Amino acid sequence: MERTSLVLGFFMIVVGIPVILGIGSDMFRRWLKHKEKMADALSAQTAEKAAQYAAHTERLEQRVRVLERIATDKGVELSDEIERLRDDRPVN
């Protein structure tokens, strides 16, 4: 009986632990690969949002420039300029 326990313990050490570690390391590698894919997807979304914000900021800056020009214009054609800008405004 004692010999059987010794053989079983030896078998668990020699075979069981390496098998468990092999399966565990494969699971860990898959988890890491999944995390890398998630990080890539998140960075792509972030870059896309940054580009959208930059484009929106550029449009707002253009509008502010036009408003500054209108506010500082001392000519008589101010109302004509405002109407002309309303007609040129892009439809979103």
N, C-alpha and C. Protein backbone atom coordinates (compact mmCIF):
# COMPACT_ATOMS: atom_id res chain seq x y z
N MET A 1 0.80 -1.19 0.00
CA MET A 1 0.00 0.00 0.00
C MET A 1 0.85 1.26 0.00
N GLU A 2 1.93 1.22 0.80
CA GLU A 2 2.82 2.37 0.87
C GLU A 2 3.54 2.57 -0.45
N ARG A 3 3.86 1.49 -1.11
CA ARG A 3 4.54 1.57 -2.41
C ARG A 3 3.61 2.19 -3.45
N THR A 4 2.31 1.85 -3.40
CA THR A 4 1.33 2.41 -4.32
C THR A 4 1.22 3.92 -4.14
N SER A 5 1.21 4.36 -2.90
CA SER A 5 1.14 5.80 -2.62
C SER A 5 2.39 6.50 -3.13
N LEU A 6 3.52 5.86 -2.96
CA LEU A 6 4.78 6.44 -3.43
C LEU A 6 4.80 6.53 -4.95
N VAL A 7 4.33 5.50 -5.66
CA VAL A 7 4.28 5.50 -7.12
C VAL A 7 3.27 6.55 -7.60
N LEU A 8 2.13 6.62 -6.94
CA LEU A 8 1.12 7.61 -7.31
C LEU A 8 1.65 9.04 -7.10
N GLY A 9 2.32 9.28 -5.99
CA GLY A 9 2.90 10.59 -5.72
C GLY A 9 3.97 10.93 -6.75
N PHE A 10 4.81 9.98 -7.08
CA PHE A 10 5.84 10.19 -8.09
C PHE A 10 5.20 10.50 -9.45
N PHE A 11 4.15 9.75 -9.80
CA PHE A 11 3.45 9.97 -11.07
C PHE A 11 2.85 11.38 -11.11
N MET A 12 2.26 11.83 -10.00
CA MET A 12 1.68 13.17 -9.95
C MET A 12 2.76 14.24 -10.13
N ILE A 13 3.91 14.02 -9.54
CA ILE A 13 4.99 15.00 -9.66
C ILE A 13 5.56 15.02 -11.06
N VAL A 14 5.83 13.83 -11.61
CA VAL A 14 6.50 13.75 -12.91
C VAL A 14 5.55 14.05 -14.06
N VAL A 15 4.30 13.64 -13.99
CA VAL A 15 3.37 13.80 -15.10
C VAL A 15 2.33 14.89 -14.83
N GLY A 16 1.73 14.89 -13.68
CA GLY A 16 0.62 15.79 -13.39
C GLY A 16 0.99 17.25 -13.39
N ILE A 17 2.05 17.60 -12.69
CA ILE A 17 2.42 19.01 -12.60
C ILE A 17 2.82 19.59 -13.96
N PRO A 18 3.65 18.91 -14.77
CA PRO A 18 3.96 19.48 -16.09
C PRO A 18 2.72 19.62 -16.99
N VAL A 19 1.79 18.67 -16.91
CA VAL A 19 0.58 18.77 -17.73
C VAL A 19 -0.25 19.98 -17.28
N ILE A 20 -0.42 20.14 -15.99
CA ILE A 20 -1.19 21.28 -15.48
C ILE A 20 -0.50 22.60 -15.85
N LEU A 21 0.80 22.67 -15.70
CA LEU A 21 1.53 23.89 -16.06
C LEU A 21 1.46 24.16 -17.56
N GLY A 22 1.51 23.12 -18.37
CA GLY A 22 1.40 23.30 -19.82
C GLY A 22 0.05 23.85 -20.23
N ILE A 23 -1.01 23.29 -19.66
CA ILE A 23 -2.36 23.78 -19.97
C ILE A 23 -2.53 25.21 -19.46
N GLY A 24 -2.02 25.46 -18.24
CA GLY A 24 -2.13 26.80 -17.68
C GLY A 24 -1.38 27.84 -18.49
N SER A 25 -0.20 27.48 -18.98
CA SER A 25 0.56 28.45 -19.77
C SER A 25 -0.12 28.73 -21.11
N ASP A 26 -0.74 27.71 -21.69
CA ASP A 26 -1.47 27.92 -22.95
C ASP A 26 -2.68 28.83 -22.71
N MET A 27 -3.37 28.65 -21.62
CA MET A 27 -4.50 29.51 -21.29
C MET A 27 -4.02 30.95 -21.07
N PHE A 28 -2.89 31.11 -20.41
CA PHE A 28 -2.35 32.44 -20.15
C PHE A 28 -1.96 33.12 -21.46
N ARG A 29 -1.35 32.39 -22.38
CA ARG A 29 -0.98 32.97 -23.69
C ARG A 29 -2.21 33.42 -24.46
N ARG A 30 -3.27 32.61 -24.43
CA ARG A 30 -4.51 33.00 -25.11
C ARG A 30 -5.12 34.25 -24.48
N TRP A 31 -5.08 34.32 -23.16
CA TRP A 31 -5.60 35.49 -22.47
C TRP A 31 -4.81 36.74 -22.85
N LEU A 32 -3.48 36.62 -22.91
CA LEU A 32 -2.65 37.75 -23.30
C LEU A 32 -2.95 38.19 -24.73
N LYS A 33 -3.12 37.23 -25.63
CA LYS A 33 -3.43 37.57 -27.02
C LYS A 33 -4.77 38.29 -27.11
N HIS A 34 -5.74 37.83 -26.32
CA HIS A 34 -7.05 38.49 -26.30
C HIS A 34 -6.91 39.93 -25.78
N LYS A 35 -6.12 40.12 -24.73
CA LYS A 35 -5.92 41.46 -24.18
C LYS A 35 -5.24 42.37 -25.20
N GLU A 36 -4.30 41.86 -25.96
CA GLU A 36 -3.64 42.65 -26.99
C GLU A 36 -4.63 43.08 -28.07
N LYS A 37 -5.50 42.17 -28.48
CA LYS A 37 -6.51 42.52 -29.48
C LYS A 37 -7.45 43.58 -28.96
N MET A 38 -7.84 43.47 -27.70
CA MET A 38 -8.72 44.47 -27.10
C MET A 38 -8.04 45.83 -27.04
N ALA A 39 -6.76 45.85 -26.70
CA ALA A 39 -6.01 47.11 -26.63
C ALA A 39 -5.89 47.73 -28.02
N ASP A 40 -5.65 46.91 -29.04
CA ASP A 40 -5.58 47.43 -30.41
C ASP A 40 -6.90 48.04 -30.85
N ALA A 41 -7.99 47.36 -30.52
CA ALA A 41 -9.31 47.88 -30.89
C ALA A 41 -9.59 49.20 -30.17
N LEU A 42 -9.22 49.27 -28.90
CA LEU A 42 -9.45 50.49 -28.13
C LEU A 42 -8.61 51.64 -28.67
N SER A 43 -7.37 51.38 -29.05
CA SER A 43 -6.53 52.46 -29.58
C SER A 43 -7.02 52.92 -30.95
N ALA A 44 -7.57 52.02 -31.74
CA ALA A 44 -8.13 52.41 -33.04
C ALA A 44 -9.35 53.31 -32.83
N GLN A 45 -10.20 52.96 -31.88
CA GLN A 45 -11.36 53.80 -31.58
C GLN A 45 -10.94 55.16 -31.07
N THR A 46 -9.92 55.19 -30.24
CA THR A 46 -9.44 56.45 -29.70
C THR A 46 -8.88 57.33 -30.80
N ALA A 47 -8.13 56.75 -31.72
CA ALA A 47 -7.58 57.53 -32.83
C ALA A 47 -8.70 58.09 -33.71
N GLU A 48 -9.72 57.30 -33.95
CA GLU A 48 -10.85 57.76 -34.76
C GLU A 48 -11.58 58.91 -34.08
N LYS A 49 -11.81 58.79 -32.78
CA LYS A 49 -12.46 59.87 -32.04
C LYS A 49 -11.61 61.13 -32.07
N ALA A 50 -10.30 61.00 -31.92
CA ALA A 50 -9.42 62.17 -31.95
C ALA A 50 -9.49 62.87 -33.30
N ALA A 51 -9.56 62.11 -34.38
CA ALA A 51 -9.68 62.70 -35.71
C ALA A 51 -11.02 63.42 -35.86
N GLN A 52 -12.08 62.84 -35.34
CA GLN A 52 -13.39 63.49 -35.40
C GLN A 52 -13.39 64.80 -34.61
N TYR A 53 -12.79 64.77 -33.42
CA TYR A 53 -12.73 65.99 -32.61
C TYR A 53 -11.88 67.05 -33.30
N ALA A 54 -10.80 66.66 -33.94
CA ALA A 54 -9.96 67.63 -34.64
C ALA A 54 -10.72 68.27 -35.79
N ALA A 55 -11.47 67.49 -36.53
CA ALA A 55 -12.25 68.04 -37.65
C ALA A 55 -13.33 68.98 -37.13
N HIS A 56 -13.97 68.59 -36.04
CA HIS A 56 -15.02 69.43 -35.46
C HIS A 56 -14.41 70.75 -34.95
N THR A 57 -13.27 70.66 -34.32
CA THR A 57 -12.60 71.86 -33.82
C THR A 57 -12.22 72.79 -34.96
N GLU A 58 -11.76 72.23 -36.05
CA GLU A 58 -11.40 73.04 -37.22
C GLU A 58 -12.62 73.78 -37.76
N ARG A 59 -13.76 73.09 -37.85
CA ARG A 59 -14.99 73.74 -38.31
C ARG A 59 -15.40 74.88 -37.37
N LEU A 60 -15.29 74.63 -36.07
CA LEU A 60 -15.65 75.68 -35.11
C LEU A 60 -14.70 76.87 -35.21
N GLU A 61 -13.42 76.62 -35.40
CA GLU A 61 -12.46 77.71 -35.55
C GLU A 61 -12.76 78.53 -36.80
N GLN A 62 -13.15 77.90 -37.87
CA GLN A 62 -13.52 78.63 -39.08
C GLN A 62 -14.73 79.52 -38.83
N ARG A 63 -15.70 79.00 -38.12
CA ARG A 63 -16.90 79.79 -37.82
C ARG A 63 -16.55 80.99 -36.93
N VAL A 64 -15.68 80.78 -35.96
CA VAL A 64 -15.28 81.88 -35.07
C VAL A 64 -14.53 82.95 -35.87
N ARG A 65 -13.68 82.53 -36.81
CA ARG A 65 -12.98 83.51 -37.65
C ARG A 65 -13.97 84.36 -38.45
N VAL A 66 -14.99 83.72 -38.98
CA VAL A 66 -16.01 84.46 -39.74
C VAL A 66 -16.74 85.43 -38.83
N LEU A 67 -17.10 84.97 -37.64
CA LEU A 67 -17.80 85.85 -36.71
C LEU A 67 -16.92 87.02 -36.27
N GLU A 68 -15.65 86.77 -36.06
CA GLU A 68 -14.73 87.85 -35.71
C GLU A 68 -14.63 88.87 -36.85
N ARG A 69 -14.58 88.36 -38.06
CA ARG A 69 -14.50 89.26 -39.21
C ARG A 69 -15.77 90.10 -39.32
N ILE A 70 -16.93 89.48 -39.08
CA ILE A 70 -18.19 90.22 -39.14
C ILE A 70 -18.25 91.26 -38.03
N ALA A 71 -17.82 90.87 -36.82
CA ALA A 71 -17.90 91.79 -35.68
C ALA A 71 -16.97 92.98 -35.85
N THR A 72 -15.86 92.80 -36.53
CA THR A 72 -14.92 93.91 -36.70
C THR A 72 -15.13 94.66 -38.00
N ASP A 73 -16.04 94.19 -38.84
CA ASP A 73 -16.31 94.86 -40.12
C ASP A 73 -17.11 96.14 -39.86
N LYS A 74 -16.63 97.23 -40.40
CA LYS A 74 -17.30 98.51 -40.16
C LYS A 74 -18.03 98.99 -41.41
N GLY A 75 -18.11 98.12 -42.40
CA GLY A 75 -18.77 98.53 -43.63
C GLY A 75 -20.29 98.52 -43.51
N VAL A 76 -20.95 99.06 -44.50
CA VAL A 76 -22.41 99.13 -44.53
C VAL A 76 -23.00 97.79 -44.92
N GLU A 77 -22.22 96.90 -45.50
CA GLU A 77 -22.72 95.64 -46.04
C GLU A 77 -22.77 94.52 -45.01
N LEU A 78 -22.86 94.86 -43.74
CA LEU A 78 -22.84 93.84 -42.69
C LEU A 78 -24.02 92.88 -42.81
N SER A 79 -25.20 93.37 -43.00
CA SER A 79 -26.36 92.48 -43.10
C SER A 79 -26.29 91.63 -44.36
N ASP A 80 -25.76 92.20 -45.45
CA ASP A 80 -25.59 91.39 -46.67
C ASP A 80 -24.60 90.26 -46.44
N GLU A 81 -23.53 90.55 -45.72
CA GLU A 81 -22.52 89.52 -45.42
C GLU A 81 -23.13 88.40 -44.58
N ILE A 82 -23.93 88.76 -43.59
CA ILE A 82 -24.57 87.75 -42.74
C ILE A 82 -25.49 86.87 -43.57
N GLU A 83 -26.27 87.46 -44.43
CA GLU A 83 -27.17 86.67 -45.28
C GLU A 83 -26.40 85.78 -46.23
N ARG A 84 -25.31 86.30 -46.77
CA ARG A 84 -24.49 85.50 -47.67
C ARG A 84 -23.88 84.31 -46.93
N LEU A 85 -23.46 84.51 -45.69
CA LEU A 85 -22.90 83.41 -44.89
C LEU A 85 -23.97 82.37 -44.55
N ARG A 86 -25.17 82.82 -44.32
CA ARG A 86 -26.25 81.86 -44.06
C ARG A 86 -26.49 80.96 -45.27
N ASP A 87 -26.39 81.54 -46.43
CA ASP A 87 -26.58 80.77 -47.65
C ASP A 87 -25.44 79.80 -47.91
N ASP A 88 -24.22 80.15 -47.46
CA ASP A 88 -23.03 79.31 -47.69
C ASP A 88 -22.86 78.23 -46.63
N ARG A 89 -23.65 78.26 -45.61
CA ARG A 89 -23.48 77.33 -44.50
C ARG A 89 -23.76 75.90 -44.96
N PRO A 90 -22.82 74.95 -44.66
CA PRO A 90 -23.05 73.55 -45.07
C PRO A 90 -24.15 72.92 -44.25
N VAL A 91 -24.91 72.07 -44.87
CA VAL A 91 -25.99 71.36 -44.20
C VAL A 91 -25.44 70.08 -43.62
N ASN A 92 -25.64 69.86 -42.31
CA ASN A 92 -25.11 68.65 -41.65
C ASN A 92 -26.11 67.55 -41.65
